[in-house]
Amino acid sequence: MAVSAADKITSTDDEAAIRAVAEAMRDAATTTSEISQNTADSKPPAGDVGTDALQWLSRLTYTGSYVLSYGVVYAAVFVAQALPQENPIMSGFRDGGREAMEQLDDG
């Protein structure tokens, strides 16, 4: 099987792109570790304790909401995919969903 010049160029270009992405990822990882080391070495001022607690609470709220919504949506999709698709219940779900989307678009 002969390899054309165009295939060689595409292969070389693909390899160069992959190398560039790998180098960028390595640089980002190095920079991130340097930043985290510099941040860990410095002590925050005493006034930042309340800010840290607020950020922790905000992050906890976000993560809890994310997990809850992901679990609900994933479970609903899993159950919907497990049901037989050609029956009156699924037809009603599809029609109701379609109607809800139309009403949402209409405002």
Protein backbone atom coordinates (compact mmCIF):
# COMPACT_ATOMS: atom_id res chain seq x y z
CA MET A 1 0.00 0.00 0.00
CA ALA A 2 1.52 3.29 -1.12
CA VAL A 3 1.38 6.40 1.05
CA SER A 4 0.74 9.61 -0.84
CA ALA A 5 2.44 12.91 -0.15
CA ALA A 6 -0.85 14.36 1.10
CA ASP A 7 -1.17 11.56 3.68
CA LYS A 8 2.38 12.26 4.88
CA ILE A 9 1.64 15.97 5.26
CA THR A 10 -1.60 15.33 7.15
CA SER A 11 0.12 12.80 9.40
CA THR A 12 2.97 15.23 10.10
CA ASP A 13 0.53 18.06 10.77
CA ASP A 14 -1.48 15.85 13.14
CA GLU A 15 1.66 14.86 15.03
CA ALA A 16 2.76 18.49 15.29
CA ALA A 17 -0.66 19.49 16.62
CA ILE A 18 -0.61 16.69 19.18
CA ARG A 19 2.89 17.71 20.32
CA ALA A 20 1.78 21.34 20.64
CA VAL A 21 -1.21 20.36 22.77
CA ALA A 22 0.98 18.11 24.96
CA GLU A 23 3.48 20.94 25.49
CA ALA A 24 0.70 23.37 26.39
CA MET A 25 -0.76 20.91 28.90
CA ARG A 26 2.67 20.32 30.45
CA ASP A 27 3.25 24.08 30.74
CA ALA A 28 -0.17 24.58 32.33
CA ALA A 29 0.48 21.81 34.86
CA THR A 30 3.87 23.30 35.74
CA THR A 31 2.43 26.79 36.12
CA THR A 32 -0.44 25.52 38.26
CA SER A 33 1.89 23.67 40.61
CA GLU A 34 4.12 26.74 40.91
CA ILE A 35 1.15 28.96 41.72
CA SER A 36 -0.18 26.54 44.33
CA GLN A 37 3.25 26.34 45.99
CA ASN A 38 3.51 30.14 46.11
CA THR A 39 -0.01 30.42 47.49
CA ALA A 40 0.60 27.77 50.15
CA ASP A 41 3.75 29.57 51.32
CA SER A 42 2.02 32.89 51.95
CA LYS A 43 -0.23 33.43 54.97
CA PRO A 44 -3.61 35.08 54.36
CA PRO A 45 -4.42 38.20 56.36
CA ALA A 46 -6.63 37.74 59.41
CA GLY A 47 -9.58 39.48 57.68
CA ASP A 48 -9.78 36.74 55.01
CA VAL A 49 -11.12 34.11 57.42
CA GLY A 50 -14.74 35.19 56.81
CA THR A 51 -14.14 35.28 53.07
CA ASP A 52 -12.71 31.76 53.15
CA ALA A 53 -15.73 30.49 55.09
CA LEU A 54 -18.09 32.18 52.63
CA GLN A 55 -16.23 30.65 49.67
CA TRP A 56 -16.34 27.23 51.32
CA LEU A 57 -20.09 27.57 51.93
CA SER A 58 -20.64 28.77 48.38
CA ARG A 59 -18.67 25.86 46.97
CA LEU A 60 -20.55 23.39 49.19
CA THR A 61 -23.89 24.80 48.02
CA TYR A 62 -22.84 24.64 44.38
CA THR A 63 -21.55 21.07 44.66
CA GLY A 64 -24.66 19.89 46.51
CA SER A 65 -26.95 21.47 43.92
CA TYR A 66 -24.90 20.01 41.07
CA VAL A 67 -24.97 16.50 42.53
CA LEU A 68 -28.70 16.71 43.23
CA SER A 69 -29.61 17.96 39.76
CA TYR A 70 -27.28 15.51 38.04
CA GLY A 71 -28.74 12.63 40.02
CA VAL A 72 -32.32 13.61 39.24
CA VAL A 73 -31.73 14.18 35.52
CA TYR A 74 -29.56 11.07 35.12
CA ALA A 75 -32.10 8.89 36.89
CA ALA A 76 -34.97 10.29 34.80
CA VAL A 77 -33.10 9.73 31.53
CA PHE A 78 -32.04 6.25 32.62
CA VAL A 79 -35.61 5.27 33.46
CA ALA A 80 -36.95 6.82 30.24
CA GLN A 81 -34.41 4.91 28.14
CA ALA A 82 -35.19 1.66 29.94
CA LEU A 83 -38.92 1.85 29.15
CA PRO A 84 -40.27 0.57 25.84
CA GLN A 85 -40.36 3.51 23.44
CA GLU A 86 -43.52 2.74 21.44
CA ASN A 87 -46.33 2.92 23.97
CA PRO A 88 -48.89 5.52 25.07
CA ILE A 89 -46.88 6.63 28.11
CA MET A 90 -43.73 7.45 26.14
CA SER A 91 -45.80 9.11 23.39
CA GLY A 92 -47.40 11.29 26.09
CA PHE A 93 -43.98 12.19 27.53
CA ARG A 94 -42.66 13.14 24.09
CA ASP A 95 -45.75 15.18 23.19
CA GLY A 96 -45.79 16.90 26.58
CA GLY A 97 -42.10 17.71 26.37
CA ARG A 98 -42.50 19.07 22.86
CA GLU A 99 -45.44 21.25 23.96
CA ALA A 100 -43.52 22.53 26.99
CA MET A 101 -40.57 23.50 24.76
CA GLU A 102 -42.93 25.34 22.37
CA GLN A 103 -44.52 27.26 25.25
CA LEU A 104 -41.09 28.11 26.63
CA ASP A 105 -40.00 29.45 23.24
CA ASP A 106 -43.23 31.48 22.92
CA GLY A 107 -42.64 33.07 26.30
